[in-house]
Amino acid sequence: MLCFTLPGALSSYAYYGAETGNEKCEGIPIEIKQAGSCTGPSRSNYIIPTINGHTLFVSFTENLGQVAVEITTAAGGYVQTSSCLTPNGLQFYIPLAGDYIVTFTLPNGDEYYGEFTVTD
């Protein structure tokens, strides 16, 4: 009996963990690049964004402080803005297909960005 219930419980944990940012969700990874000069070592490897359909998931693997997250179209049009106390994660719904840029601003002013495409 345990063999039948354990897989369901584990998949349920993985699903809800991904929603809260505690687990890396399934999706297409987005490469993070440094925007300009940074005040210290690169923190880009601590920011893990993935796109799955129209949903952008962002996880932080280290405490970076309060990080501002801004999503714009590739042409620069506003889509969404939020901030997050790390190492928590965020989830965004992008309603329209197209090319987008997500920008992360750390408390010290360092900026990182990633480009991604939402398809139908």
N, C-alpha and C. Protein backbone atom coordinates (compact mmCIF):
# COMPACT_ATOMS: atom_id res chain seq x y z
N MET A 1 0.82 -1.19 0.00
CA MET A 1 0.00 0.00 0.00
C MET A 1 0.87 1.26 0.00
N LEU A 2 1.94 1.19 0.76
CA LEU A 2 2.85 2.33 0.84
C LEU A 2 3.44 2.67 -0.53
N CYS A 3 3.67 1.66 -1.35
CA CYS A 3 4.24 1.89 -2.69
C CYS A 3 3.31 2.71 -3.56
N PHE A 4 1.99 2.62 -3.30
CA PHE A 4 1.03 3.37 -4.11
C PHE A 4 0.84 4.80 -3.62
N THR A 5 0.97 5.05 -2.34
CA THR A 5 0.72 6.39 -1.81
C THR A 5 1.95 7.27 -1.79
N LEU A 6 3.13 6.71 -1.63
CA LEU A 6 4.35 7.51 -1.53
C LEU A 6 4.65 8.31 -2.80
N PRO A 7 4.55 7.72 -4.01
CA PRO A 7 4.83 8.53 -5.21
C PRO A 7 3.88 9.72 -5.35
N GLY A 8 2.61 9.54 -4.99
CA GLY A 8 1.66 10.65 -5.08
C GLY A 8 2.01 11.75 -4.09
N ALA A 9 2.40 11.37 -2.90
CA ALA A 9 2.78 12.37 -1.89
C ALA A 9 4.02 13.13 -2.32
N LEU A 10 5.00 12.43 -2.88
CA LEU A 10 6.23 13.10 -3.31
C LEU A 10 5.98 14.04 -4.47
N SER A 11 5.14 13.65 -5.44
CA SER A 11 4.88 14.55 -6.57
C SER A 11 4.08 15.75 -6.11
N SER A 12 3.20 15.58 -5.14
CA SER A 12 2.45 16.70 -4.59
C SER A 12 3.39 17.69 -3.91
N TYR A 13 4.38 17.20 -3.15
CA TYR A 13 5.35 18.07 -2.51
C TYR A 13 6.15 18.84 -3.54
N ALA A 14 6.60 18.19 -4.59
CA ALA A 14 7.39 18.86 -5.63
C ALA A 14 6.57 19.95 -6.31
N TYR A 15 5.29 19.69 -6.56
CA TYR A 15 4.44 20.68 -7.21
C TYR A 15 4.27 21.92 -6.33
N TYR A 16 3.89 21.72 -5.07
CA TYR A 16 3.68 22.86 -4.19
C TYR A 16 4.98 23.54 -3.81
N GLY A 17 6.07 22.80 -3.74
CA GLY A 17 7.37 23.40 -3.47
C GLY A 17 7.76 24.34 -4.58
N ALA A 18 7.48 23.97 -5.83
CA ALA A 18 7.82 24.82 -6.98
C ALA A 18 7.01 26.09 -6.95
N GLU A 19 5.74 26.01 -6.51
CA GLU A 19 4.90 27.19 -6.45
C GLU A 19 5.40 28.20 -5.44
N THR A 20 5.96 27.75 -4.35
CA THR A 20 6.40 28.66 -3.31
C THR A 20 7.85 29.10 -3.49
N GLY A 21 8.52 28.54 -4.48
CA GLY A 21 9.90 28.93 -4.72
C GLY A 21 10.90 28.10 -3.94
N ASN A 22 10.44 27.09 -3.20
CA ASN A 22 11.35 26.27 -2.43
C ASN A 22 12.02 25.19 -3.27
N GLU A 23 11.45 24.85 -4.39
CA GLU A 23 11.99 23.83 -5.28
C GLU A 23 12.09 24.43 -6.67
N LYS A 24 13.05 23.99 -7.42
CA LYS A 24 13.16 24.43 -8.80
C LYS A 24 12.07 23.76 -9.62
N CYS A 25 11.29 24.56 -10.33
CA CYS A 25 10.19 23.99 -11.11
C CYS A 25 10.69 23.52 -12.47
N GLU A 26 9.86 22.69 -13.08
CA GLU A 26 10.17 22.25 -14.43
C GLU A 26 9.87 23.39 -15.39
N GLY A 27 10.72 23.58 -16.36
CA GLY A 27 10.52 24.62 -17.34
C GLY A 27 11.82 24.89 -18.07
N ILE A 28 11.79 25.88 -18.91
CA ILE A 28 12.97 26.25 -19.69
C ILE A 28 13.79 27.26 -18.88
N PRO A 29 15.05 26.95 -18.59
CA PRO A 29 15.88 27.88 -17.83
C PRO A 29 16.15 29.16 -18.63
N ILE A 30 16.28 30.26 -17.92
CA ILE A 30 16.59 31.56 -18.52
C ILE A 30 17.99 31.94 -18.08
N GLU A 31 18.86 32.24 -19.04
CA GLU A 31 20.24 32.63 -18.71
C GLU A 31 20.24 34.04 -18.13
N ILE A 32 20.92 34.20 -17.00
CA ILE A 32 21.02 35.49 -16.33
C ILE A 32 22.35 36.14 -16.67
N LYS A 33 22.27 37.43 -17.07
CA LYS A 33 23.47 38.19 -17.44
C LYS A 33 23.58 39.41 -16.53
N GLN A 34 24.79 39.86 -16.35
CA GLN A 34 25.06 41.04 -15.54
C GLN A 34 24.79 42.29 -16.38
N ALA A 35 24.10 43.26 -15.82
CA ALA A 35 23.81 44.51 -16.50
C ALA A 35 24.76 45.57 -15.96
N GLY A 36 25.80 45.91 -16.70
CA GLY A 36 26.77 46.91 -16.24
C GLY A 36 27.73 46.33 -15.23
N SER A 37 28.34 47.22 -14.44
CA SER A 37 29.33 46.76 -13.46
C SER A 37 28.65 46.47 -12.13
N CYS A 38 29.22 45.54 -11.40
CA CYS A 38 28.69 45.17 -10.09
C CYS A 38 29.67 45.60 -9.02
N THR A 39 29.17 45.76 -7.79
CA THR A 39 30.02 46.22 -6.70
C THR A 39 30.83 45.10 -6.07
N GLY A 40 30.56 43.87 -6.43
CA GLY A 40 31.29 42.74 -5.86
C GLY A 40 31.25 41.56 -6.82
N PRO A 41 31.43 40.36 -6.29
CA PRO A 41 31.38 39.18 -7.16
C PRO A 41 29.97 38.98 -7.73
N SER A 42 29.91 38.36 -8.88
CA SER A 42 28.63 38.13 -9.56
C SER A 42 27.72 37.26 -8.70
N ARG A 43 26.48 37.64 -8.63
CA ARG A 43 25.46 36.88 -7.89
C ARG A 43 24.48 36.20 -8.86
N SER A 44 24.79 36.22 -10.16
CA SER A 44 23.86 35.70 -11.16
C SER A 44 23.55 34.23 -10.98
N ASN A 45 24.48 33.46 -10.44
CA ASN A 45 24.23 32.03 -10.27
C ASN A 45 23.29 31.73 -9.09
N TYR A 46 22.91 32.74 -8.30
CA TYR A 46 21.96 32.56 -7.21
C TYR A 46 20.53 32.85 -7.63
N ILE A 47 20.34 33.33 -8.87
CA ILE A 47 19.02 33.67 -9.38
C ILE A 47 18.65 32.61 -10.43
N ILE A 48 17.56 31.89 -10.19
CA ILE A 48 17.17 30.78 -11.06
C ILE A 48 15.77 31.04 -11.63
N PRO A 49 15.66 31.69 -12.78
CA PRO A 49 14.35 31.85 -13.41
C PRO A 49 14.11 30.76 -14.46
N THR A 50 12.87 30.30 -14.56
CA THR A 50 12.47 29.36 -15.60
C THR A 50 11.11 29.78 -16.13
N ILE A 51 10.87 29.50 -17.39
CA ILE A 51 9.59 29.80 -18.02
C ILE A 51 8.93 28.48 -18.39
N ASN A 52 7.67 28.35 -18.03
CA ASN A 52 6.90 27.15 -18.35
C ASN A 52 5.56 27.63 -18.89
N GLY A 53 5.41 27.62 -20.21
CA GLY A 53 4.19 28.16 -20.83
C GLY A 53 4.16 29.67 -20.63
N HIS A 54 3.11 30.15 -19.97
CA HIS A 54 2.97 31.58 -19.70
C HIS A 54 3.38 31.95 -18.27
N THR A 55 3.94 31.00 -17.54
CA THR A 55 4.29 31.24 -16.14
C THR A 55 5.79 31.33 -15.97
N LEU A 56 6.23 32.43 -15.37
CA LEU A 56 7.64 32.65 -15.04
C LEU A 56 7.83 32.35 -13.57
N PHE A 57 8.72 31.41 -13.26
CA PHE A 57 9.06 31.07 -11.89
C PHE A 57 10.46 31.62 -11.60
N VAL A 58 10.63 32.22 -10.44
CA VAL A 58 11.95 32.74 -10.04
C VAL A 58 12.28 32.19 -8.66
N SER A 59 13.43 31.53 -8.54
CA SER A 59 13.92 31.03 -7.27
C SER A 59 15.26 31.70 -6.97
N PHE A 60 15.53 31.87 -5.71
CA PHE A 60 16.82 32.40 -5.26
C PHE A 60 17.45 31.35 -4.36
N THR A 61 18.68 30.97 -4.65
CA THR A 61 19.32 29.90 -3.87
C THR A 61 20.11 30.44 -2.69
N GLU A 62 20.27 31.75 -2.60
CA GLU A 62 20.99 32.38 -1.47
C GLU A 62 20.20 33.60 -1.01
N ASN A 63 20.47 34.05 0.19
CA ASN A 63 19.87 35.26 0.70
C ASN A 63 20.58 36.47 0.08
N LEU A 64 19.88 37.16 -0.80
CA LEU A 64 20.42 38.36 -1.46
C LEU A 64 19.79 39.63 -0.92
N GLY A 65 18.94 39.52 0.08
CA GLY A 65 18.21 40.68 0.59
C GLY A 65 16.91 40.83 -0.19
N GLN A 66 16.35 42.03 -0.18
CA GLN A 66 15.12 42.29 -0.91
C GLN A 66 15.46 42.64 -2.35
N VAL A 67 15.01 41.81 -3.28
CA VAL A 67 15.34 41.96 -4.70
C VAL A 67 14.11 42.48 -5.45
N ALA A 68 14.29 43.53 -6.23
CA ALA A 68 13.23 44.05 -7.09
C ALA A 68 13.26 43.29 -8.41
N VAL A 69 12.09 42.86 -8.87
CA VAL A 69 11.97 42.10 -10.11
C VAL A 69 11.04 42.87 -11.04
N GLU A 70 11.52 43.17 -12.25
CA GLU A 70 10.72 43.90 -13.23
C GLU A 70 10.68 43.11 -14.52
N ILE A 71 9.49 42.97 -15.08
CA ILE A 71 9.32 42.30 -16.36
C ILE A 71 8.84 43.32 -17.37
N THR A 72 9.55 43.39 -18.50
CA THR A 72 9.18 44.30 -19.58
C THR A 72 9.15 43.51 -20.90
N THR A 73 8.49 44.08 -21.89
CA THR A 73 8.57 43.49 -23.22
C THR A 73 9.96 43.77 -23.76
N ALA A 74 10.35 43.06 -24.81
CA ALA A 74 11.67 43.29 -25.41
C ALA A 74 11.79 44.71 -25.94
N ALA A 75 10.65 45.34 -26.27
CA ALA A 75 10.65 46.72 -26.76
C ALA A 75 10.68 47.73 -25.62
N GLY A 76 10.61 47.26 -24.36
CA GLY A 76 10.69 48.15 -23.21
C GLY A 76 9.38 48.48 -22.56
N GLY A 77 8.27 47.91 -23.02
CA GLY A 77 6.96 48.17 -22.41
C GLY A 77 6.82 47.48 -21.07
N TYR A 78 6.17 48.16 -20.13
CA TYR A 78 5.97 47.63 -18.78
C TYR A 78 5.03 46.43 -18.80
N VAL A 79 5.36 45.38 -18.03
CA VAL A 79 4.48 44.23 -17.86
C VAL A 79 4.13 44.06 -16.38
N GLN A 80 5.14 43.82 -15.52
CA GLN A 80 4.90 43.64 -14.09
C GLN A 80 6.14 44.02 -13.30
N THR A 81 5.91 44.40 -12.04
CA THR A 81 7.00 44.69 -11.11
C THR A 81 6.62 44.11 -9.75
N SER A 82 7.61 43.59 -9.06
CA SER A 82 7.39 43.07 -7.72
C SER A 82 8.72 43.10 -6.98
N SER A 83 8.68 42.83 -5.70
CA SER A 83 9.92 42.65 -4.95
C SER A 83 9.75 41.43 -4.05
N CYS A 84 10.88 40.87 -3.69
CA CYS A 84 10.87 39.61 -2.96
C CYS A 84 11.99 39.59 -1.95
N LEU A 85 11.68 39.18 -0.74
CA LEU A 85 12.71 38.92 0.25
C LEU A 85 13.29 37.54 -0.04
N THR A 86 14.55 37.47 -0.31
CA THR A 86 15.17 36.20 -0.68
C THR A 86 15.60 35.45 0.58
N PRO A 87 15.70 34.16 0.54
CA PRO A 87 15.72 33.24 -0.60
C PRO A 87 14.35 32.74 -1.04
N ASN A 88 13.26 33.43 -0.73
CA ASN A 88 11.94 33.05 -1.23
C ASN A 88 11.90 33.18 -2.74
N GLY A 89 10.84 32.73 -3.36
CA GLY A 89 10.70 32.81 -4.80
C GLY A 89 9.44 33.56 -5.20
N LEU A 90 9.31 33.77 -6.50
CA LEU A 90 8.16 34.47 -7.07
C LEU A 90 7.62 33.69 -8.25
N GLN A 91 6.39 34.01 -8.59
CA GLN A 91 5.75 33.42 -9.76
C GLN A 91 4.97 34.52 -10.46
N PHE A 92 5.11 34.62 -11.78
CA PHE A 92 4.41 35.63 -12.57
C PHE A 92 3.66 34.95 -13.70
N TYR A 93 2.49 35.47 -14.03
CA TYR A 93 1.76 35.00 -15.20
C TYR A 93 1.93 36.06 -16.29
N ILE A 94 2.43 35.63 -17.45
CA ILE A 94 2.63 36.52 -18.60
C ILE A 94 1.50 36.21 -19.59
N PRO A 95 0.53 37.11 -19.76
CA PRO A 95 -0.67 36.77 -20.53
C PRO A 95 -0.48 36.65 -22.05
N LEU A 96 0.44 37.39 -22.62
CA LEU A 96 0.58 37.42 -24.07
C LEU A 96 1.88 36.76 -24.53
N ALA A 97 1.82 36.10 -25.67
CA ALA A 97 3.03 35.53 -26.27
C ALA A 97 3.92 36.67 -26.74
N GLY A 98 5.23 36.46 -26.71
CA GLY A 98 6.16 37.48 -27.17
C GLY A 98 7.51 37.35 -26.49
N ASP A 99 8.37 38.33 -26.76
CA ASP A 99 9.71 38.36 -26.18
C ASP A 99 9.73 39.32 -24.99
N TYR A 100 10.39 38.89 -23.91
CA TYR A 100 10.38 39.64 -22.67
C TYR A 100 11.78 39.70 -22.05
N ILE A 101 11.92 40.64 -21.11
CA ILE A 101 13.15 40.79 -20.33
C ILE A 101 12.75 40.87 -18.87
N VAL A 102 13.43 40.08 -18.03
CA VAL A 102 13.23 40.17 -16.59
C VAL A 102 14.51 40.74 -16.00
N THR A 103 14.36 41.77 -15.16
CA THR A 103 15.50 42.45 -14.55
C THR A 103 15.42 42.31 -13.04
N PHE A 104 16.55 41.97 -12.44
CA PHE A 104 16.65 41.80 -10.99
C PHE A 104 17.57 42.88 -10.46
N THR A 105 17.10 43.68 -9.51
CA THR A 105 17.92 44.72 -8.89
C THR A 105 18.12 44.35 -7.43
N LEU A 106 19.37 44.15 -7.05
CA LEU A 106 19.72 43.78 -5.68
C LEU A 106 19.75 45.03 -4.79
N PRO A 107 19.71 44.86 -3.48
CA PRO A 107 19.70 46.02 -2.57
C PRO A 107 20.89 46.96 -2.75
N ASN A 108 22.05 46.43 -3.19
CA ASN A 108 23.23 47.28 -3.38
C ASN A 108 23.25 47.98 -4.74
N GLY A 109 22.19 47.79 -5.55
CA GLY A 109 22.10 48.44 -6.85
C GLY A 109 22.57 47.60 -8.03
N ASP A 110 23.20 46.46 -7.77
CA ASP A 110 23.63 45.58 -8.85
C ASP A 110 22.41 45.08 -9.62
N GLU A 111 22.53 45.03 -10.95
CA GLU A 111 21.43 44.58 -11.80
C GLU A 111 21.84 43.38 -12.65
N TYR A 112 20.88 42.46 -12.78
CA TYR A 112 21.03 41.28 -13.63
C TYR A 112 19.77 41.16 -14.46
N TYR A 113 19.89 40.56 -15.64
CA TYR A 113 18.71 40.42 -16.48
C TYR A 113 18.76 39.10 -17.24
N GLY A 114 17.60 38.71 -17.73
CA GLY A 114 17.46 37.53 -18.57
C GLY A 114 16.41 37.78 -19.62
N GLU A 115 16.62 37.24 -20.80
CA GLU A 115 15.67 37.39 -21.91
C GLU A 115 14.97 36.06 -22.12
N PHE A 116 13.66 36.12 -22.37
CA PHE A 116 12.91 34.89 -22.59
C PHE A 116 11.74 35.14 -23.54
N THR A 117 11.20 34.07 -24.06
CA THR A 117 10.09 34.13 -25.01
C THR A 117 8.93 33.30 -24.47
N VAL A 118 7.74 33.88 -24.54
CA VAL A 118 6.51 33.18 -24.19
C VAL A 118 5.84 32.79 -25.50
N THR A 119 5.55 31.51 -25.66
CA THR A 119 4.87 31.02 -26.85
C THR A 119 3.51 30.45 -26.46
N ASP A 120 2.61 30.42 -27.40
CA ASP A 120 1.28 29.81 -27.14
C ASP A 120 1.34 28.33 -27.28
